Amino acid sequence: MELSSSLVLVLFLAVLMLVRWKRKASGLSLPPGPLALPLIGNLPIMDKRAPFKSFMKWSKTYGPVMTVYLGLQRTVVLVGYDTVKEALVDHAEDFKGRAPIPFLHRLLRGYGLAISNGDRWLQLRRFTLTTLRDFGMGRKRMEQWIQEESGHLLKSFEETKSTPVEPNFFLSRAVSNVICSLVFGQRFDYEDKNFLHLLQILSRLLRFFSSPWGQLNNIFPKLMQFLPGRHHAMFREEKHNPDTEFHKDNMMGTVINLFVAGTETTSTTIRYALMLMIKHPHIQEQIQREIDQVIGQNRIPTMDDRKSLPFTDAVIHEVQRYLDIVPLNVPHYATHDISFRGYVIPKDTVILPLLHSVLRDEEQWETPWTFNPEHFLDANGNFKKNPAFFPFSAGKRSCVGESLARMELFLFIVSLLQRFSFSSPKGPDGIDPSPELSSFANMPRFYDLIATPR
């Protein structure tokens, strides 16, 4: 019995020595990090529901550039504004690779803009940006589409007759219809069954991807294919034989990218903005006073109004910072060996430029853990930018729909607060702004609100 225990101990120590040796193999100087176990890496000591919290904690010991193992996958985590900015902006070419996220790779089969690399990514990004601009993104036509959709959204809230409702589908229908106008050239009725089914799929997709179960699909993709579970319902198999990057598979993949990124993230941000307005009624009232002075309660808001609404603009920016919707960022990838800050990040390493650490950087924000619109206001009450405002990431992989999202957030939120006051049946204290899920995305809790016409 004692001999068996000794053998197990010797074997365990040998494995630990092997892991340490592999970190220094081939003369590479990997960034430091917590000791990883075979096969499972650092998973046993990681917060499964909010892994970014573990990364933040470990960075206090190992520094702003550290190595962790998610199962067998070697991962380098970048922490803090200075580190993330240096990587994504100052060394943009080195860090432009996108990790082959198993869940998305299986869903999209490698096609589309979000998870592609090399020539495919270059061609699709250039084509997507050009086409979106041609279709109106960032132009007056897009503003008119959002204004028109705002009218339908306001009407749907009017029809609630000030009764409590869950705002999720109200907002996702409106935001998604903007993408529909862009991609299909038409909007859909809010009761259209196919449209509602699409929204349900998109919502389930992001929530699943943000759950611990969804993350297991990325850490142990081969194993998860053989285990039963709801993750199999997310996939469909189709034959494909691409000859060029401009084919149906890439088109469908890119359109799915646009719908997932352009529907759920924006509508979730608006839903969270209304939650915070209910939680902080004095801020809601101050926004409404500013809107009344500049626009009134009848004229349709325009993007030109933003410069005259500094407090409102500051609140919208602070909502995005405080929500921190994609805390881990969409994973990057070392497509070649990268020298960075005295370390070597080997090829095929997943890289996580932690957006959470940028939006909560204590050297960049006066009160990073508090919802505080003053972060974006100067001493005279004018709007001021902050270089650490990275909700859309930065560098060559920054969000292609950033200008559209900014326009939607401003026009929808201003229109809603111009016409309605929002409250909760449980009062401000009944609102819990902490996220329900905090893995890939921070997903706010569902809640009921009352939209009272002003």
Protein backbone atom coordinates (compact mmCIF):
# COMPACT_ATOMS: atom_id res chain seq x y z
CA MET A 1 0.00 0.00 0.00
CA GLU A 2 2.82 2.39 0.94
CA LEU A 3 4.70 1.40 -2.23
CA SER A 4 1.66 2.20 -4.38
CA SER A 5 1.27 5.60 -2.70
CA SER A 6 4.93 6.35 -3.27
CA LEU A 7 4.71 5.42 -6.93
CA VAL A 8 1.70 7.70 -7.39
CA LEU A 9 3.57 10.56 -5.70
CA VAL A 10 6.67 10.02 -7.85
CA LEU A 11 4.53 9.89 -11.00
CA PHE A 12 2.73 13.08 -10.00
CA LEU A 13 5.99 14.93 -9.35
CA ALA A 14 7.40 13.68 -12.65
CA VAL A 15 4.37 15.01 -14.51
CA LEU A 16 4.73 18.40 -12.80
CA MET A 17 8.39 18.53 -13.80
CA LEU A 18 7.42 17.64 -17.38
CA VAL A 19 4.91 20.51 -17.50
CA ARG A 20 7.54 22.94 -16.22
CA TRP A 21 10.05 21.61 -18.74
CA LYS A 22 7.60 22.06 -21.61
CA ARG A 23 7.23 25.73 -20.68
CA LYS A 24 10.95 26.20 -21.41
CA ALA A 25 11.17 23.81 -24.35
CA SER A 26 12.97 24.90 -27.51
CA GLY A 27 14.56 27.78 -25.64
CA LEU A 28 11.28 29.72 -25.54
CA SER A 29 10.71 32.04 -22.62
CA LEU A 30 6.99 31.80 -21.98
CA PRO A 31 5.30 34.36 -19.72
CA PRO A 32 4.91 33.12 -16.13
CA GLY A 33 1.69 31.71 -14.79
CA PRO A 34 0.11 29.28 -12.31
CA LEU A 35 1.31 25.70 -12.44
CA ALA A 36 -0.89 23.63 -14.74
CA LEU A 37 -1.94 20.00 -14.37
CA PRO A 38 -1.82 17.48 -17.24
CA LEU A 39 -4.88 17.41 -19.50
CA ILE A 40 -6.97 19.78 -17.37
CA GLY A 41 -4.47 22.62 -17.06
CA ASN A 42 -5.56 25.38 -14.67
CA LEU A 43 -9.27 24.55 -14.80
CA PRO A 44 -9.52 23.18 -11.22
CA ILE A 45 -8.51 26.55 -9.73
CA MET A 46 -10.43 28.72 -12.18
CA ASP A 47 -13.75 30.46 -11.54
CA LYS A 48 -15.90 28.53 -14.05
CA ARG A 49 -18.71 31.09 -14.11
CA ALA A 50 -16.47 34.14 -14.45
CA PRO A 51 -12.99 33.05 -15.62
CA PHE A 52 -11.85 36.65 -16.11
CA LYS A 53 -12.00 37.08 -12.32
CA SER A 54 -9.39 34.34 -11.93
CA PHE A 55 -7.19 35.96 -14.58
CA MET A 56 -7.37 39.31 -12.78
CA LYS A 57 -6.45 37.65 -9.48
CA TRP A 58 -3.53 35.71 -10.96
CA SER A 59 -2.15 38.79 -12.73
CA LYS A 60 -1.39 40.30 -9.31
CA THR A 61 1.08 37.45 -8.80
CA TYR A 62 2.37 36.77 -12.32
CA GLY A 63 2.12 40.18 -13.93
CA PRO A 64 0.16 41.64 -16.89
CA VAL A 65 1.42 39.01 -19.36
CA MET A 66 0.89 35.46 -18.14
CA THR A 67 0.45 31.92 -19.38
CA VAL A 68 -2.49 29.75 -18.36
CA TYR A 69 -3.70 26.41 -19.66
CA LEU A 70 -7.36 25.88 -20.52
CA GLY A 71 -7.26 22.12 -20.67
CA LEU A 72 -4.44 21.39 -23.10
CA GLN A 73 -4.68 24.77 -24.80
CA ARG A 74 -1.80 27.11 -24.00
CA THR A 75 -3.22 30.60 -23.51
CA VAL A 76 -1.51 33.93 -22.92
CA VAL A 77 -3.62 36.49 -21.05
CA LEU A 78 -2.93 40.23 -21.42
CA VAL A 79 -4.09 42.38 -18.51
CA GLY A 80 -4.47 46.15 -18.21
CA TYR A 81 -4.88 49.05 -20.64
CA ASP A 82 -1.18 49.57 -21.29
CA THR A 83 -0.57 45.91 -22.08
CA VAL A 84 -3.68 45.39 -24.24
CA LYS A 85 -3.15 48.63 -26.13
CA GLU A 86 0.52 47.81 -26.76
CA ALA A 87 -0.45 44.43 -28.20
CA LEU A 88 -3.54 45.28 -30.25
CA VAL A 89 -2.53 48.74 -31.46
CA ASP A 90 1.24 49.10 -31.28
CA HIS A 91 1.88 45.50 -32.43
CA ALA A 92 -1.29 45.16 -34.48
CA GLU A 93 0.22 42.93 -37.19
CA ASP A 94 1.51 40.36 -34.70
CA PHE A 95 -1.76 40.16 -32.77
CA LYS A 96 -4.30 40.23 -35.61
CA GLY A 97 -4.79 36.45 -35.68
CA ARG A 98 -8.12 35.00 -34.59
CA ALA A 99 -8.20 31.83 -32.51
CA PRO A 100 -9.97 28.79 -34.02
CA ILE A 101 -12.74 28.83 -31.41
CA PRO A 102 -14.03 25.23 -31.58
CA PHE A 103 -17.68 26.10 -30.88
CA LEU A 104 -17.82 28.79 -33.58
CA HIS A 105 -15.65 26.75 -35.92
CA ARG A 106 -18.09 23.87 -35.72
CA LEU A 107 -21.10 26.16 -36.06
CA LEU A 108 -19.70 28.14 -39.02
CA ARG A 109 -17.33 25.44 -40.32
CA GLY A 110 -14.50 27.95 -40.52
CA TYR A 111 -16.34 30.38 -42.77
CA GLY A 112 -17.24 34.02 -42.29
CA LEU A 113 -15.39 37.07 -41.07
CA ALA A 114 -15.26 36.55 -37.30
CA ILE A 115 -13.04 33.46 -37.07
CA SER A 116 -11.11 33.60 -40.35
CA ASN A 117 -7.43 34.41 -40.83
CA GLY A 118 -5.00 35.21 -43.62
CA ASP A 119 -6.26 36.03 -47.11
CA ARG A 120 -9.80 34.92 -46.28
CA TRP A 121 -10.02 37.40 -43.42
CA LEU A 122 -8.40 40.23 -45.42
CA GLN A 123 -10.80 39.77 -48.34
CA LEU A 124 -13.91 39.35 -46.22
CA ARG A 125 -13.14 42.30 -43.93
CA ARG A 126 -12.46 44.60 -46.88
CA PHE A 127 -15.58 43.38 -48.68
CA THR A 128 -17.76 43.62 -45.53
CA LEU A 129 -16.68 47.15 -44.66
CA THR A 130 -17.10 48.34 -48.25
CA THR A 131 -20.49 46.68 -48.66
CA LEU A 132 -21.81 47.93 -45.32
CA ARG A 133 -20.79 51.47 -46.25
CA ASP A 134 -22.43 51.09 -49.65
CA PHE A 135 -25.60 49.88 -47.95
CA GLY A 136 -25.65 52.89 -45.67
CA MET A 137 -23.70 52.08 -42.50
CA GLY A 138 -22.52 55.32 -40.92
CA ARG A 139 -24.54 57.41 -43.37
CA LYS A 140 -27.82 59.29 -43.37
CA ARG A 141 -29.73 56.35 -44.83
CA MET A 142 -28.78 54.16 -41.86
CA GLU A 143 -29.81 56.91 -39.47
CA GLN A 144 -33.20 57.06 -41.17
CA TRP A 145 -33.64 53.27 -40.82
CA ILE A 146 -32.91 53.49 -37.09
CA GLN A 147 -35.27 56.45 -36.69
CA GLU A 148 -38.02 54.52 -38.48
CA GLU A 149 -37.43 51.47 -36.30
CA SER A 150 -37.45 53.65 -33.19
CA GLY A 151 -41.00 54.64 -34.10
CA HIS A 152 -42.07 50.99 -34.17
CA LEU A 153 -40.30 50.36 -30.87
CA LEU A 154 -41.99 53.33 -29.19
CA LYS A 155 -45.36 52.13 -30.44
CA SER A 156 -44.78 48.65 -29.02
CA PHE A 157 -44.02 50.15 -25.60
CA GLU A 158 -47.10 52.39 -25.83
CA GLU A 159 -49.20 49.28 -26.37
CA THR A 160 -48.10 47.89 -23.00
CA LYS A 161 -50.32 50.54 -21.31
CA SER A 162 -47.78 50.98 -18.50
CA THR A 163 -48.06 47.33 -17.43
CA PRO A 164 -44.90 45.42 -16.41
CA VAL A 165 -43.11 43.73 -19.34
CA GLU A 166 -39.79 42.00 -19.89
CA PRO A 167 -37.97 44.26 -22.41
CA ASN A 168 -35.68 41.69 -24.03
CA PHE A 169 -37.69 40.91 -27.16
CA PHE A 170 -38.95 44.49 -27.51
CA LEU A 171 -35.37 45.64 -27.93
CA SER A 172 -33.93 42.70 -29.87
CA ARG A 173 -36.73 42.94 -32.47
CA ALA A 174 -35.95 46.62 -33.05
CA VAL A 175 -32.17 46.25 -33.19
CA SER A 176 -32.30 43.13 -35.37
CA ASN A 177 -34.63 44.86 -37.83
CA VAL A 178 -31.89 47.41 -38.48
CA ILE A 179 -29.59 44.55 -39.50
CA CYS A 180 -32.45 43.07 -41.56
CA SER A 181 -32.83 46.38 -43.39
CA LEU A 182 -29.10 46.36 -44.04
CA VAL A 183 -28.77 42.72 -45.14
CA PHE A 184 -32.19 41.95 -46.67
CA GLY A 185 -33.34 45.42 -47.67
CA GLN A 186 -36.49 45.16 -45.54
CA ARG A 187 -37.72 45.05 -41.95
CA PHE A 188 -40.02 42.41 -40.48
CA ASP A 189 -43.24 42.73 -38.53
CA TYR A 190 -42.67 42.25 -34.80
CA GLU A 191 -45.05 39.29 -34.80
CA ASP A 192 -43.51 37.53 -37.82
CA LYS A 193 -42.98 33.91 -36.69
CA ASN A 194 -39.80 33.35 -38.72
CA PHE A 195 -38.35 36.60 -37.41
CA LEU A 196 -39.13 35.70 -33.79
CA HIS A 197 -37.66 32.23 -34.31
CA LEU A 198 -34.42 33.81 -35.60
CA LEU A 199 -34.22 36.04 -32.53
CA GLN A 200 -34.76 33.08 -30.21
CA ILE A 201 -31.92 31.20 -31.91
CA LEU A 202 -29.56 34.19 -31.62
CA SER A 203 -30.42 34.69 -27.96
CA ARG A 204 -29.94 31.01 -27.11
CA LEU A 205 -26.67 30.96 -29.04
CA LEU A 206 -25.05 33.78 -27.10
CA ARG A 207 -26.39 32.60 -23.74
CA PHE A 208 -25.15 29.07 -24.39
CA PHE A 209 -21.74 30.36 -25.50
CA SER A 210 -21.55 32.39 -22.25
CA SER A 211 -22.40 29.44 -20.01
CA PRO A 212 -19.87 27.04 -18.41
CA TRP A 213 -21.32 24.26 -20.57
CA GLY A 214 -20.64 26.28 -23.71
CA GLN A 215 -17.05 26.97 -22.62
CA LEU A 216 -16.46 23.24 -22.16
CA ASN A 217 -17.18 22.88 -25.87
CA ASN A 218 -14.21 25.15 -26.56
CA ILE A 219 -11.85 23.55 -24.03
CA PHE A 220 -12.65 19.89 -24.80
CA PRO A 221 -14.28 20.03 -28.28
CA LYS A 222 -13.56 16.42 -29.31
CA LEU A 223 -14.76 14.99 -26.03
CA MET A 224 -17.96 17.06 -26.08
CA GLN A 225 -18.88 15.68 -29.51
CA PHE A 226 -19.30 12.25 -27.91
CA LEU A 227 -21.16 13.40 -24.80
CA PRO A 228 -24.93 13.89 -24.89
CA GLY A 229 -26.33 17.34 -24.20
CA ARG A 230 -28.08 20.38 -25.59
CA HIS A 231 -24.90 21.56 -27.33
CA HIS A 232 -25.65 19.22 -30.25
CA ALA A 233 -28.85 21.12 -31.01
CA MET A 234 -26.79 24.17 -32.00
CA PHE A 235 -25.24 22.53 -35.07
CA ARG A 236 -26.33 21.46 -38.55
CA GLU A 237 -24.20 19.56 -41.07
CA GLU A 238 -24.04 20.63 -44.73
CA LYS A 239 -21.72 19.70 -47.61
CA HIS A 240 -19.37 22.35 -48.94
CA ASN A 241 -16.74 22.65 -51.60
CA PRO A 242 -15.39 26.22 -51.75
CA ASP A 243 -13.35 27.42 -54.71
CA THR A 244 -13.17 31.07 -53.72
CA GLU A 245 -13.62 33.16 -50.61
CA PHE A 246 -16.74 34.75 -52.13
CA HIS A 247 -19.12 31.82 -51.99
CA LYS A 248 -22.32 30.93 -50.19
CA ASP A 249 -20.65 29.46 -47.09
CA ASN A 250 -18.59 32.57 -46.43
CA MET A 251 -21.59 34.78 -47.18
CA MET A 252 -23.78 32.86 -44.75
CA GLY A 253 -21.03 32.82 -42.12
CA THR A 254 -20.51 36.56 -42.41
CA VAL A 255 -24.25 37.29 -42.27
CA ILE A 256 -24.53 35.14 -39.14
CA ASN A 257 -21.60 37.12 -37.68
CA LEU A 258 -23.47 40.36 -38.39
CA PHE A 259 -26.70 39.12 -36.81
CA VAL A 260 -25.06 37.71 -33.67
CA ALA A 261 -22.79 40.73 -33.16
CA GLY A 262 -25.30 43.30 -34.39
CA THR A 263 -28.42 42.06 -32.61
CA GLU A 264 -27.68 40.54 -29.22
CA THR A 265 -24.80 42.75 -28.12
CA THR A 266 -26.55 46.03 -28.98
CA SER A 267 -29.99 45.04 -27.69
CA THR A 268 -28.41 43.67 -24.50
CA THR A 269 -26.59 46.97 -23.99
CA ILE A 270 -29.84 48.93 -24.39
CA ARG A 271 -31.62 46.53 -22.01
CA TYR A 272 -28.83 47.09 -19.50
CA ALA A 273 -29.03 50.87 -20.00
CA LEU A 274 -32.72 50.84 -19.07
CA MET A 275 -31.92 48.64 -16.07
CA LEU A 276 -29.36 51.18 -14.85
CA MET A 277 -31.78 54.07 -15.46
CA ILE A 278 -34.26 52.31 -13.17
CA LYS A 279 -31.53 51.61 -10.62
CA HIS A 280 -30.40 55.26 -10.71
CA PRO A 281 -33.58 57.34 -11.27
CA HIS A 282 -31.75 60.63 -10.69
CA ILE A 283 -29.55 59.89 -13.72
CA GLN A 284 -32.61 59.04 -15.81
CA GLU A 285 -34.22 62.33 -14.80
CA GLN A 286 -31.08 64.32 -15.63
CA ILE A 287 -30.93 62.75 -19.11
CA GLN A 288 -34.58 63.61 -19.68
CA ARG A 289 -34.06 67.22 -18.62
CA GLU A 290 -31.18 67.51 -21.08
CA ILE A 291 -33.23 65.93 -23.88
CA ASP A 292 -36.19 68.24 -23.15
CA GLN A 293 -33.94 71.31 -23.33
CA VAL A 294 -32.21 70.33 -26.58
CA ILE A 295 -34.78 68.30 -28.55
CA GLY A 296 -38.09 68.57 -26.74
CA GLN A 297 -40.57 65.70 -26.53
CA ASN A 298 -41.82 65.67 -30.11
CA ARG A 299 -38.94 66.09 -32.58
CA ILE A 300 -37.22 62.88 -33.71
CA PRO A 301 -33.64 62.73 -32.36
CA THR A 302 -30.76 62.81 -34.86
CA MET A 303 -27.06 62.03 -34.59
CA ASP A 304 -26.37 65.75 -34.88
CA ASP A 305 -27.96 66.12 -31.42
CA ARG A 306 -25.23 64.08 -29.74
CA LYS A 307 -22.78 66.97 -29.42
CA SER A 308 -25.51 68.97 -27.63
CA LEU A 309 -26.29 66.12 -25.21
CA PRO A 310 -22.98 65.64 -23.38
CA PHE A 311 -24.47 64.09 -20.23
CA THR A 312 -26.59 61.65 -22.22
CA ASP A 313 -23.57 60.71 -24.33
CA ALA A 314 -21.49 60.22 -21.19
CA VAL A 315 -24.13 57.94 -19.66
CA ILE A 316 -24.30 55.78 -22.80
CA HIS A 317 -20.51 55.39 -22.81
CA GLU A 318 -20.52 54.56 -19.09
CA VAL A 319 -23.24 51.93 -19.66
CA GLN A 320 -20.96 50.21 -22.16
CA ARG A 321 -17.95 50.44 -19.86
CA TYR A 322 -19.83 49.20 -16.82
CA LEU A 323 -21.61 46.38 -18.66
CA ASP A 324 -18.27 45.13 -20.01
CA ILE A 325 -20.20 42.89 -22.39
CA VAL A 326 -17.28 40.78 -23.70
CA PRO A 327 -14.87 40.64 -20.73
CA LEU A 328 -12.52 38.06 -22.27
CA ASN A 329 -12.54 39.68 -25.73
CA VAL A 330 -12.95 37.43 -28.76
CA PRO A 331 -9.79 35.27 -28.52
CA HIS A 332 -6.79 36.19 -30.66
CA TYR A 333 -4.15 33.77 -31.89
CA ALA A 334 -0.42 33.60 -32.52
CA THR A 335 -0.11 32.65 -36.20
CA HIS A 336 3.68 32.81 -35.72
CA ASP A 337 6.12 33.14 -32.81
CA ILE A 338 5.64 36.60 -31.25
CA SER A 339 8.21 38.49 -29.18
CA PHE A 340 6.41 40.66 -26.65
CA ARG A 341 7.68 42.39 -23.52
CA GLY A 342 10.69 40.13 -23.18
CA TYR A 343 8.72 36.92 -23.67
CA VAL A 344 8.09 34.65 -26.62
CA ILE A 345 4.48 33.72 -27.37
CA PRO A 346 4.81 30.54 -29.46
CA LYS A 347 2.84 29.92 -32.62
CA ASP A 348 -0.60 28.32 -32.04
CA THR A 349 -1.05 30.03 -28.66
CA VAL A 350 -4.48 31.47 -27.88
CA ILE A 351 -4.23 35.10 -26.74
CA LEU A 352 -6.82 36.78 -24.52
CA PRO A 353 -6.45 40.60 -24.45
CA LEU A 354 -8.67 41.01 -21.41
CA LEU A 355 -11.13 43.83 -22.15
CA HIS A 356 -12.45 43.57 -18.60
CA SER A 357 -9.04 44.62 -17.30
CA VAL A 358 -9.08 47.67 -19.60
CA LEU A 359 -12.59 48.81 -18.71
CA ARG A 360 -11.80 48.34 -15.00
CA ASP A 361 -8.21 49.60 -15.05
CA GLU A 362 -7.75 51.49 -11.79
CA GLU A 363 -5.11 53.75 -13.37
CA GLN A 364 -7.51 54.83 -16.14
CA TRP A 365 -10.83 55.21 -14.30
CA GLU A 366 -11.44 57.18 -11.12
CA THR A 367 -14.05 54.74 -9.78
CA PRO A 368 -13.75 51.67 -12.03
CA TRP A 369 -16.12 49.46 -10.00
CA THR A 370 -18.90 52.06 -9.79
CA PHE A 371 -21.41 53.21 -12.41
CA ASN A 372 -20.24 56.80 -12.81
CA PRO A 373 -21.00 58.94 -15.91
CA GLU A 374 -18.43 61.48 -14.62
CA HIS A 375 -15.81 59.22 -16.20
CA PHE A 376 -16.75 60.84 -19.52
CA LEU A 377 -17.31 64.45 -18.41
CA ASP A 378 -14.81 67.22 -17.81
CA ALA A 379 -15.03 69.85 -15.07
CA ASN A 380 -17.33 71.99 -17.23
CA GLY A 381 -19.77 69.19 -17.98
CA ASN A 382 -18.52 68.67 -21.53
CA PHE A 383 -18.10 65.18 -22.95
CA LYS A 384 -14.52 63.89 -22.80
CA LYS A 385 -13.02 60.79 -24.35
CA ASN A 386 -11.04 58.20 -22.45
CA PRO A 387 -8.35 56.21 -24.32
CA ALA A 388 -9.19 53.10 -22.28
CA PHE A 389 -12.74 52.93 -23.68
CA PHE A 390 -12.38 49.59 -25.49
CA PRO A 391 -15.85 47.96 -25.59
CA PHE A 392 -15.39 47.27 -29.32
CA SER A 393 -11.81 46.03 -28.80
CA ALA A 394 -9.03 47.74 -30.78
CA GLY A 395 -6.58 47.24 -33.61
CA LYS A 396 -7.11 45.22 -36.76
CA ARG A 397 -9.73 42.97 -35.16
CA SER A 398 -11.90 45.73 -33.73
CA CYS A 399 -15.64 45.38 -34.35
CA VAL A 400 -16.57 46.14 -37.97
CA GLY A 401 -20.02 47.31 -36.86
CA GLU A 402 -18.81 49.83 -34.29
CA SER A 403 -20.20 52.89 -36.09
CA LEU A 404 -23.59 51.18 -36.53
CA ALA A 405 -23.70 50.13 -32.86
CA ARG A 406 -22.84 53.65 -31.67
CA MET A 407 -25.60 55.11 -33.83
CA GLU A 408 -28.17 52.57 -32.64
CA LEU A 409 -27.32 53.01 -28.97
CA PHE A 410 -27.65 56.78 -29.16
CA LEU A 411 -30.83 57.00 -31.25
CA PHE A 412 -32.73 54.18 -29.54
CA ILE A 413 -31.85 55.22 -25.98
CA VAL A 414 -32.55 58.92 -26.58
CA SER A 415 -35.87 58.12 -28.30
CA LEU A 416 -36.97 55.85 -25.44
CA LEU A 417 -36.08 58.31 -22.67
CA GLN A 418 -37.59 61.20 -24.63
CA ARG A 419 -41.00 59.51 -24.63
CA PHE A 420 -41.05 57.28 -21.54
CA SER A 421 -39.98 57.13 -17.93
CA PHE A 422 -38.89 53.64 -16.89
CA SER A 423 -39.41 52.04 -13.51
CA SER A 424 -39.58 48.60 -11.92
CA PRO A 425 -42.57 46.99 -10.16
CA LYS A 426 -40.09 46.24 -7.34
CA GLY A 427 -38.58 49.72 -7.24
CA PRO A 428 -34.91 50.67 -7.78
CA ASP A 429 -33.76 48.37 -4.98
CA GLY A 430 -35.39 45.42 -6.74
CA ILE A 431 -32.98 45.74 -9.68
CA ASP A 432 -29.82 43.61 -9.58
CA PRO A 433 -27.30 44.89 -12.16
CA SER A 434 -24.84 42.03 -11.59
CA PRO A 435 -24.71 39.66 -14.59
CA GLU A 436 -26.49 36.33 -14.67
CA LEU A 437 -23.76 34.78 -16.86
CA SER A 438 -20.15 35.98 -17.03
CA SER A 439 -18.14 33.65 -19.23
CA PHE A 440 -17.63 34.76 -22.83
CA ALA A 441 -20.19 37.55 -22.41
CA ASN A 442 -21.65 39.35 -19.41
CA MET A 443 -25.36 38.63 -19.77
CA PRO A 444 -27.64 40.84 -17.62
CA ARG A 445 -30.45 39.28 -15.63
CA PHE A 446 -33.95 39.36 -17.03
CA TYR A 447 -36.25 41.86 -15.34
CA ASP A 448 -39.64 43.51 -15.76
CA LEU A 449 -40.04 47.24 -16.37
CA ILE A 450 -42.87 49.70 -16.64
CA ALA A 451 -42.77 52.20 -19.51
CA THR A 452 -44.81 55.24 -18.47
CA PRO A 453 -45.48 57.86 -21.19
CA ARG A 454 -44.10 61.26 -20.24
